[in-house]
Amino acid sequence: PSLGRDAVYNVTGKICKLPPYLLAQFVRFYWRQDTKAKAKVCRNVFFPTTLDLIEYVTDDLKGPIDLKQSERRLKYMEANPVWDDPN
């Protein structure tokens, strides 16, 4: 529908289902303004191995994700104790 004027629309959405694996391609190129050409980033680039999407998912999906994260955190803490328990 036409409003007869310019309007700004803000659309937000939430993810309701996550795949078991998410493939992402990170590009190591950028556009150089001075040469008007694509250039490769020649230094080491490090990307995180985990991606936290909790702020982008629906409330129904947050519960299971929080539970799974808590289980993983507990398992990690048991395998890598910060201090030795004398008992």
PDB file of N, CA and C in Angstrom:
ATOM      1  N   PRO A   1       0.826  -1.187   0.000  1.00  0.00           N
ATOM      2  CA  PRO A   1       0.000   0.000   0.000  1.00  0.00           C
ATOM      3  C   PRO A   1       0.871   1.252   0.000  1.00  0.00           C
ATOM      4  N   SER A   2       0.412   2.228  -0.711  1.00  0.00           N
ATOM      5  CA  SER A   2       1.159   3.472  -0.826  1.00  0.00           C
ATOM      6  C   SER A   2       0.674   4.463   0.227  1.00  0.00           C
ATOM      7  N   LEU A   3       1.618   5.067   0.916  1.00  0.00           N
ATOM      8  CA  LEU A   3       1.281   6.048   1.942  1.00  0.00           C
ATOM      9  C   LEU A   3       1.255   7.457   1.366  1.00  0.00           C
ATOM     10  N   GLY A   4       1.722   7.599   0.136  1.00  0.00           N
ATOM     11  CA  GLY A   4       1.792   8.914  -0.454  1.00  0.00           C
ATOM     12  C   GLY A   4       2.960   9.730   0.069  1.00  0.00           C
ATOM     13  N   ARG A   5       3.881   9.075   0.771  1.00  0.00           N
ATOM     14  CA  ARG A   5       5.063   9.743   1.309  1.00  0.00           C
ATOM     15  C   ARG A   5       6.149   8.704   1.530  1.00  0.00           C
ATOM     16  N   ASP A   6       7.358   9.159   1.773  1.00  0.00           N
ATOM     17  CA  ASP A   6       8.451   8.245   2.090  1.00  0.00           C
ATOM     18  C   ASP A   6       8.270   7.740   3.512  1.00  0.00           C
ATOM     19  N   ALA A   7       8.480   6.455   3.708  1.00  0.00           N
ATOM     20  CA  ALA A   7       8.339   5.862   5.035  1.00  0.00           C
ATOM     21  C   ALA A   7       9.535   4.951   5.297  1.00  0.00           C
ATOM     22  N   VAL A   8       9.907   4.857   6.557  1.00  0.00           N
ATOM     23  CA  VAL A   8      10.985   3.970   6.972  1.00  0.00           C
ATOM     24  C   VAL A   8      10.352   2.754   7.624  1.00  0.00           C
ATOM     25  N   TYR A   9      10.715   1.577   7.129  1.00  0.00           N
ATOM     26  CA  TYR A   9      10.200   0.334   7.686  1.00  0.00           C
ATOM     27  C   TYR A   9      11.324  -0.375   8.421  1.00  0.00           C
ATOM     28  N   ASN A  10      11.064  -0.775   9.618  1.00  0.00           N
ATOM     29  CA  ASN A  10      11.995  -1.583  10.394  1.00  0.00           C
ATOM     30  C   ASN A  10      11.393  -2.957  10.555  1.00  0.00           C
ATOM     31  N   VAL A  11      12.074  -3.963  10.038  1.00  0.00           N
ATOM     32  CA  VAL A  11      11.602  -5.333  10.126  1.00  0.00           C
ATOM     33  C   VAL A  11      12.589  -6.111  10.974  1.00  0.00           C
ATOM     34  N   THR A  12      12.098  -6.788  11.977  1.00  0.00           N
ATOM     35  CA  THR A  12      12.941  -7.642  12.798  1.00  0.00           C
ATOM     36  C   THR A  12      12.379  -9.052  12.769  1.00  0.00           C
ATOM     37  N   GLY A  13      13.237 -10.002  12.908  1.00  0.00           N
ATOM     38  CA  GLY A  13      12.808 -11.387  12.907  1.00  0.00           C
ATOM     39  C   GLY A  13      13.651 -12.200  13.874  1.00  0.00           C
ATOM     40  N   LYS A  14      13.151 -13.337  14.230  1.00  0.00           N
ATOM     41  CA  LYS A  14      13.861 -14.244  15.128  1.00  0.00           C
ATOM     42  C   LYS A  14      13.991 -15.600  14.452  1.00  0.00           C
ATOM     43  N   ILE A  15      15.042 -16.308  14.759  1.00  0.00           N
ATOM     44  CA  ILE A  15      15.280 -17.638  14.220  1.00  0.00           C
ATOM     45  C   ILE A  15      14.528 -18.640  15.084  1.00  0.00           C
ATOM     46  N   CYS A  16      13.730 -19.503  14.451  1.00  0.00           N
ATOM     47  CA  CYS A  16      12.954 -20.474  15.230  1.00  0.00           C
ATOM     48  C   CYS A  16      13.521 -21.891  15.139  1.00  0.00           C
ATOM     49  N   LYS A  17      14.511 -22.124  14.277  1.00  0.00           N
ATOM     50  CA  LYS A  17      15.124 -23.452  14.174  1.00  0.00           C
ATOM     51  C   LYS A  17      16.555 -23.275  13.685  1.00  0.00           C
ATOM     52  N   LEU A  18      17.494 -23.947  14.341  1.00  0.00           N
ATOM     53  CA  LEU A  18      18.892 -23.877  13.959  1.00  0.00           C
ATOM     54  C   LEU A  18      19.337 -25.193  13.354  1.00  0.00           C
ATOM     55  N   PRO A  19      20.162 -25.155  12.320  1.00  0.00           N
ATOM     56  CA  PRO A  19      20.683 -26.394  11.745  1.00  0.00           C
ATOM     57  C   PRO A  19      21.762 -26.979  12.649  1.00  0.00           C
ATOM     58  N   PRO A  20      22.028 -28.273  12.554  1.00  0.00           N
ATOM     59  CA  PRO A  20      23.093 -28.849  13.376  1.00  0.00           C
ATOM     60  C   PRO A  20      24.468 -28.279  13.021  1.00  0.00           C
ATOM     61  N   TYR A  21      24.664 -27.945  11.758  1.00  0.00           N
ATOM     62  CA  TYR A  21      25.913 -27.339  11.306  1.00  0.00           C
ATOM     63  C   TYR A  21      25.573 -26.120  10.462  1.00  0.00           C
ATOM     64  N   LEU A  22      26.332 -25.061  10.651  1.00  0.00           N
ATOM     65  CA  LEU A  22      26.147 -23.843   9.879  1.00  0.00           C
ATOM     66  C   LEU A  22      27.449 -23.549   9.155  1.00  0.00           C
ATOM     67  N   LEU A  23      27.388 -23.553   7.840  1.00  0.00           N
ATOM     68  CA  LEU A  23      28.572 -23.260   7.049  1.00  0.00           C
ATOM     69  C   LEU A  23      28.631 -21.765   6.777  1.00  0.00           C
ATOM     70  N   ALA A  24      29.779 -21.194   7.001  1.00  0.00           N
ATOM     71  CA  ALA A  24      29.965 -19.767   6.764  1.00  0.00           C
ATOM     72  C   ALA A  24      31.256 -19.572   5.996  1.00  0.00           C
ATOM     73  N   GLN A  25      31.213 -18.708   5.016  1.00  0.00           N
ATOM     74  CA  GLN A  25      32.401 -18.399   4.240  1.00  0.00           C
ATOM     75  C   GLN A  25      32.857 -17.000   4.617  1.00  0.00           C
ATOM     76  N   PHE A  26      34.054 -16.909   5.143  1.00  0.00           N
ATOM     77  CA  PHE A  26      34.615 -15.627   5.526  1.00  0.00           C
ATOM     78  C   PHE A  26      35.536 -15.142   4.414  1.00  0.00           C
ATOM     79  N   VAL A  27      35.323 -13.944   3.979  1.00  0.00           N
ATOM     80  CA  VAL A  27      36.082 -13.394   2.868  1.00  0.00           C
ATOM     81  C   VAL A  27      37.262 -12.603   3.400  1.00  0.00           C
ATOM     82  N   ARG A  28      38.426 -12.868   2.840  1.00  0.00           N
ATOM     83  CA  ARG A  28      39.632 -12.165   3.260  1.00  0.00           C
ATOM     84  C   ARG A  28      40.056 -11.128   2.226  1.00  0.00           C
ATOM     85  N   PHE A  29      39.091 -10.524   1.576  1.00  0.00           N
ATOM     86  CA  PHE A  29      39.371  -9.495   0.590  1.00  0.00           C
ATOM     87  C   PHE A  29      38.637  -8.224   0.972  1.00  0.00           C
ATOM     88  N   TYR A  30      39.123  -7.102   0.499  1.00  0.00           N
ATOM     89  CA  TYR A  30      38.457  -5.827   0.740  1.00  0.00           C
ATOM     90  C   TYR A  30      38.647  -4.941  -0.483  1.00  0.00           C
ATOM     91  N   TRP A  31      37.858  -3.910  -0.573  1.00  0.00           N
ATOM     92  CA  TRP A  31      37.916  -2.993  -1.700  1.00  0.00           C
ATOM     93  C   TRP A  31      38.822  -1.816  -1.365  1.00  0.00           C
ATOM     94  N   ARG A  32      39.851  -1.621  -2.188  1.00  0.00           N
ATOM     95  CA  ARG A  32      40.769  -0.497  -1.997  1.00  0.00           C
ATOM     96  C   ARG A  32      40.262   0.690  -2.792  1.00  0.00           C
ATOM     97  N   GLN A  33      39.986   1.772  -2.096  1.00  0.00           N
ATOM     98  CA  GLN A  33      39.475   2.970  -2.751  1.00  0.00           C
ATOM     99  C   GLN A  33      40.515   3.620  -3.657  1.00  0.00           C
ATOM    100  N   ASP A  34      41.784   3.576  -3.236  1.00  0.00           N
ATOM    101  CA  ASP A  34      42.814   4.282  -4.007  1.00  0.00           C
ATOM    102  C   ASP A  34      43.082   3.633  -5.365  1.00  0.00           C
ATOM    103  N   THR A  35      43.041   2.293  -5.425  1.00  0.00           N
ATOM    104  CA  THR A  35      43.302   1.608  -6.694  1.00  0.00           C
ATOM    105  C   THR A  35      42.020   1.141  -7.375  1.00  0.00           C
ATOM    106  N   LYS A  36      40.897   1.290  -6.692  1.00  0.00           N
ATOM    107  CA  LYS A  36      39.603   0.828  -7.224  1.00  0.00           C
ATOM    108  C   LYS A  36      39.659  -0.654  -7.614  1.00  0.00           C
ATOM    109  N   ALA A  37      40.259  -1.430  -6.732  1.00  0.00           N
ATOM    110  CA  ALA A  37      40.407  -2.867  -7.001  1.00  0.00           C
ATOM    111  C   ALA A  37      40.265  -3.654  -5.714  1.00  0.00           C
ATOM    112  N   LYS A  38      39.955  -4.937  -5.887  1.00  0.00           N
ATOM    113  CA  LYS A  38      39.863  -5.840  -4.750  1.00  0.00           C
ATOM    114  C   LYS A  38      41.274  -6.224  -4.323  1.00  0.00           C
ATOM    115  N   ALA A  39      41.526  -6.254  -3.014  1.00  0.00           N
ATOM    116  CA  ALA A  39      42.847  -6.602  -2.499  1.00  0.00           C
ATOM    117  C   ALA A  39      42.704  -7.653  -1.407  1.00  0.00           C
ATOM    118  N   LYS A  40      43.662  -8.551  -1.362  1.00  0.00           N
ATOM    119  CA  LYS A  40      43.643  -9.621  -0.359  1.00  0.00           C
ATOM    120  C   LYS A  40      44.273  -9.130   0.936  1.00  0.00           C
ATOM    121  N   VAL A  41      43.685  -9.524   2.056  1.00  0.00           N
ATOM    122  CA  VAL A  41      44.269  -9.242   3.362  1.00  0.00           C
ATOM    123  C   VAL A  41      45.429 -10.217   3.541  1.00  0.00           C
ATOM    124  N   CYS A  42      46.636  -9.709   3.669  1.00  0.00           N
ATOM    125  CA  CYS A  42      47.826 -10.564   3.692  1.00  0.00           C
ATOM    126  C   CYS A  42      48.304 -10.918   5.098  1.00  0.00           C
ATOM    127  N   ARG A  43      47.603 -10.481   6.112  1.00  0.00           N
ATOM    128  CA  ARG A  43      48.005 -10.837   7.469  1.00  0.00           C
ATOM    129  C   ARG A  43      47.130 -11.990   7.949  1.00  0.00           C
ATOM    130  N   ASN A  44      47.556 -12.627   9.024  1.00  0.00           N
ATOM    131  CA  ASN A  44      46.779 -13.724   9.588  1.00  0.00           C
ATOM    132  C   ASN A  44      45.446 -13.215  10.097  1.00  0.00           C
ATOM    133  N   VAL A  45      44.399 -13.934   9.768  1.00  0.00           N
ATOM    134  CA  VAL A  45      43.058 -13.585  10.211  1.00  0.00           C
ATOM    135  C   VAL A  45      42.529 -14.759  11.015  1.00  0.00           C
ATOM    136  N   PHE A  46      42.098 -14.506  12.239  1.00  0.00           N
ATOM    137  CA  PHE A  46      41.588 -15.556  13.105  1.00  0.00           C
ATOM    138  C   PHE A  46      40.087 -15.374  13.289  1.00  0.00           C
ATOM    139  N   PHE A  47      39.348 -16.449  13.145  1.00  0.00           N
ATOM    140  CA  PHE A  47      37.911 -16.436  13.321  1.00  0.00           C
ATOM    141  C   PHE A  47      37.551 -17.333  14.494  1.00  0.00           C
ATOM    142  N   PRO A  48      36.532 -16.980  15.260  1.00  0.00           N
ATOM    143  CA  PRO A  48      36.134 -17.834  16.381  1.00  0.00           C
ATOM    144  C   PRO A  48      35.578 -19.174  15.874  1.00  0.00           C
ATOM    145  N   THR A  49      35.722 -20.206  16.680  1.00  0.00           N
ATOM    146  CA  THR A  49      35.227 -21.523  16.278  1.00  0.00           C
ATOM    147  C   THR A  49      33.793 -21.752  16.725  1.00  0.00           C
ATOM    148  N   THR A  50      33.255 -20.878  17.558  1.00  0.00           N
ATOM    149  CA  THR A  50      31.863 -20.993  17.980  1.00  0.00           C
ATOM    150  C   THR A  50      31.129 -19.699  17.663  1.00  0.00           C
ATOM    151  N   LEU A  51      29.838 -19.833  17.465  1.00  0.00           N
ATOM    152  CA  LEU A  51      29.002 -18.692  17.137  1.00  0.00           C
ATOM    153  C   LEU A  51      27.792 -18.722  18.055  1.00  0.00           C
ATOM    154  N   ASP A  52      27.649 -17.730  18.906  1.00  0.00           N
ATOM    155  CA  ASP A  52      26.543 -17.665  19.856  1.00  0.00           C
ATOM    156  C   ASP A  52      25.384 -16.897  19.227  1.00  0.00           C
ATOM    157  N   LEU A  53      24.296 -17.586  18.922  1.00  0.00           N
ATOM    158  CA  LEU A  53      23.127 -16.982  18.281  1.00  0.00           C
ATOM    159  C   LEU A  53      21.964 -16.779  19.240  1.00  0.00           C
ATOM    160  N   ILE A  54      22.211 -16.849  20.542  1.00  0.00           N
ATOM    161  CA  ILE A  54      21.133 -16.809  21.526  1.00  0.00           C
ATOM    162  C   ILE A  54      20.287 -15.540  21.418  1.00  0.00           C
ATOM    163  N   GLU A  55      20.889 -14.414  21.078  1.00  0.00           N
ATOM    164  CA  GLU A  55      20.112 -13.171  21.007  1.00  0.00           C
ATOM    165  C   GLU A  55      19.257 -13.085  19.747  1.00  0.00           C
ATOM    166  N   TYR A  56      19.444 -14.020  18.807  1.00  0.00           N
ATOM    167  CA  TYR A  56      18.706 -13.973  17.554  1.00  0.00           C
ATOM    168  C   TYR A  56      17.602 -15.027  17.452  1.00  0.00           C
ATOM    169  N   VAL A  57      17.457 -15.862  18.464  1.00  0.00           N
ATOM    170  CA  VAL A  57      16.471 -16.943  18.400  1.00  0.00           C
ATOM    171  C   VAL A  57      15.216 -16.587  19.191  1.00  0.00           C
ATOM    172  N   THR A  58      14.140 -17.326  18.909  1.00  0.00           N
ATOM    173  CA  THR A  58      12.877 -17.110  19.605  1.00  0.00           C
ATOM    174  C   THR A  58      13.003 -17.556  21.061  1.00  0.00           C
ATOM    175  N   ASP A  59      12.078 -17.101  21.880  1.00  0.00           N
ATOM    176  CA  ASP A  59      12.086 -17.474  23.296  1.00  0.00           C
ATOM    177  C   ASP A  59      11.909 -18.984  23.483  1.00  0.00           C
ATOM    178  N   ASP A  60      11.131 -19.622  22.608  1.00  0.00           N
ATOM    179  CA  ASP A  60      10.937 -21.074  22.705  1.00  0.00           C
ATOM    180  C   ASP A  60      12.238 -21.834  22.486  1.00  0.00           C
ATOM    181  N   LEU A  61      13.119 -21.292  21.682  1.00  0.00           N
ATOM    182  CA  LEU A  61      14.386 -21.959  21.380  1.00  0.00           C
ATOM    183  C   LEU A  61      15.477 -21.617  22.384  1.00  0.00           C
ATOM    184  N   LYS A  62      15.320 -20.521  23.111  1.00  0.00           N
ATOM    185  CA  LYS A  62      16.346 -20.111  24.079  1.00  0.00           C
ATOM    186  C   LYS A  62      16.494 -21.118  25.218  1.00  0.00           C
ATOM    187  N   GLY A  63      15.393 -21.700  25.683  1.00  0.00           N
ATOM    188  CA  GLY A  63      15.453 -22.656  26.787  1.00  0.00           C
ATOM    189  C   GLY A  63      16.352 -23.839  26.493  1.00  0.00           C
ATOM    190  N   PRO A  64      16.107 -24.570  25.390  1.00  0.00           N
ATOM    191  CA  PRO A  64      16.975 -25.708  25.071  1.00  0.00           C
ATOM    192  C   PRO A  64      18.432 -25.308  24.829  1.00  0.00           C
ATOM    193  N   ILE A  65      18.658 -24.150  24.238  1.00  0.00           N
ATOM    194  CA  ILE A  65      20.030 -23.706  23.989  1.00  0.00           C
ATOM    195  C   ILE A  65      20.734 -23.406  25.304  1.00  0.00           C
ATOM    196  N   ASP A  66      20.051 -22.715  26.219  1.00  0.00           N
ATOM    197  CA  ASP A  66      20.641 -22.416  27.529  1.00  0.00           C
ATOM    198  C   ASP A  66      20.970 -23.697  28.285  1.00  0.00           C
ATOM    199  N   LEU A  67      20.074 -24.679  28.205  1.00  0.00           N
ATOM    200  CA  LEU A  67      20.295 -25.957  28.882  1.00  0.00           C
ATOM    201  C   LEU A  67      21.522 -26.659  28.307  1.00  0.00           C
ATOM    202  N   LYS A  68      21.625 -26.698  26.991  1.00  0.00           N
ATOM    203  CA  LYS A  68      22.759 -27.357  26.342  1.00  0.00           C
ATOM    204  C   LYS A  68      24.069 -26.637  26.668  1.00  0.00           C
ATOM    205  N   GLN A  69      24.038 -25.296  26.691  1.00  0.00           N
ATOM    206  CA  GLN A  69      25.245 -24.541  27.036  1.00  0.00           C
ATOM    207  C   GLN A  69      25.665 -24.805  28.477  1.00  0.00           C
ATOM    208  N   SER A  70      24.694 -24.916  29.376  1.00  0.00           N
ATOM    209  CA  SER A  70      25.012 -25.209  30.780  1.00  0.00           C
ATOM    210  C   SER A  70      25.636 -26.588  30.915  1.00  0.00           C
ATOM    211  N   GLU A  71      25.100 -27.566  30.179  1.00  0.00           N
ATOM    212  CA  GLU A  71      25.662 -28.923  30.221  1.00  0.00           C
ATOM    213  C   GLU A  71      27.095 -28.932  29.704  1.00  0.00           C
ATOM    214  N   ARG A  72      27.339 -28.236  28.606  1.00  0.00           N
ATOM    215  CA  ARG A  72      28.692 -28.182  28.044  1.00  0.00           C
ATOM    216  C   ARG A  72      29.655 -27.464  28.990  1.00  0.00           C
ATOM    217  N   ARG A  73      29.187 -26.381  29.609  1.00  0.00           N
ATOM    218  CA  ARG A  73      30.028 -25.631  30.536  1.00  0.00           C
ATOM    219  C   ARG A  73      30.395 -26.506  31.741  1.00  0.00           C
ATOM    220  N   LEU A  74      29.420 -27.246  32.284  1.00  0.00           N
ATOM    221  CA  LEU A  74      29.670 -28.127  33.424  1.00  0.00           C
ATOM    222  C   LEU A  74      30.660 -29.230  33.045  1.00  0.00           C
ATOM    223  N   LYS A  75      30.468 -29.827  31.871  1.00  0.00           N
ATOM    224  CA  LYS A  75      31.367 -30.882  31.407  1.00  0.00           C
ATOM    225  C   LYS A  75      32.787 -30.345  31.242  1.00  0.00           C
ATOM    226  N   TYR A  76      32.904 -29.138  30.703  1.00  0.00           N
ATOM    227  CA  TYR A  76      34.225 -28.528  30.534  1.00  0.00           C
ATOM    228  C   TYR A  76      34.873 -28.249  31.885  1.00  0.00           C
ATOM    229  N   MET A  77      34.090 -27.706  32.821  1.00  0.00           N
ATOM    230  CA  MET A  77      34.637 -27.388  34.139  1.00  0.00           C
ATOM    231  C   MET A  77      35.069 -28.650  34.889  1.00  0.00           C
ATOM    232  N   GLU A  78      34.341 -29.746  34.704  1.00  0.00           N
ATOM    233  CA  GLU A  78      34.743 -31.001  35.346  1.00  0.00           C
ATOM    234  C   GLU A  78      36.039 -31.539  34.746  1.00  0.00           C
ATOM    235  N   ALA A  79      36.208 -31.376  33.439  1.00  0.00           N
ATOM    236  CA  ALA A  79      37.412 -31.862  32.778  1.00  0.00           C
ATOM    237  C   ALA A  79      38.605 -30.934  32.990  1.00  0.00           C
ATOM    238  N   ASN A  80      38.343 -29.657  33.256  1.00  0.00           N
ATOM    239  CA  ASN A  80      39.413 -28.667  33.421  1.00  0.00           C
ATOM    240  C   ASN A  80      39.201 -27.885  34.718  1.00  0.00           C
ATOM    241  N   PRO A  81      39.441 -28.513  35.857  1.00  0.00           N
ATOM    242  CA  PRO A  81      39.205 -27.815  37.120  1.00  0.00           C
ATOM    243  C   PRO A  81      40.167 -26.644  37.300  1.00  0.00           C
ATOM    244  N   VAL A  82      39.647 -25.590  37.927  1.00  0.00           N
ATOM    245  CA  VAL A  82      40.454 -24.407  38.163  1.00  0.00           C
ATOM    246  C   VAL A  82      41.436 -24.653  39.302  1.00  0.00           C
ATOM    247  N   TRP A  83      41.022 -25.427  40.251  1.00  0.00           N
ATOM    248  CA  TRP A  83      41.888 -25.769  41.365  1.00  0.00           C
ATOM    249  C   TRP A  83      41.676 -27.240  41.705  1.00  0.00           C
ATOM    250  N   ASP A  84      42.642 -27.814  42.388  1.00  0.00           N
ATOM    251  CA  ASP A  84      42.541 -29.202  42.800  1.00  0.00           C
ATOM    252  C   ASP A  84      41.758 -29.305  44.086  1.00  0.00           C
ATOM    253  N   ASP A  85      40.798 -30.179  44.111  1.00  0.00           N
ATOM    254  CA  ASP A  85      40.001 -30.413  45.319  1.00  0.00           C
ATOM    255  C   ASP A  85      40.759 -31.396  46.199  1.00  0.00           C
ATOM    256  N   PRO A  86      41.116 -30.993  47.438  1.00  0.00           N
ATOM    257  CA  PRO A  86      41.907 -31.866  48.318  1.00  0.00           C
ATOM    258  C   PRO A  86      41.127 -33.094  48.794  1.00  0.00           C
ATOM    259  N   ASN A  87      39.789 -33.086  48.662  1.00  0.00           N
ATOM    260  CA  ASN A  87      38.989 -34.233  49.151  1.00  0.00           C
ATOM    261  C   ASN A  87      38.969 -35.356  48.187  1.00  0.00           C
TER     262      ASN A  87
END
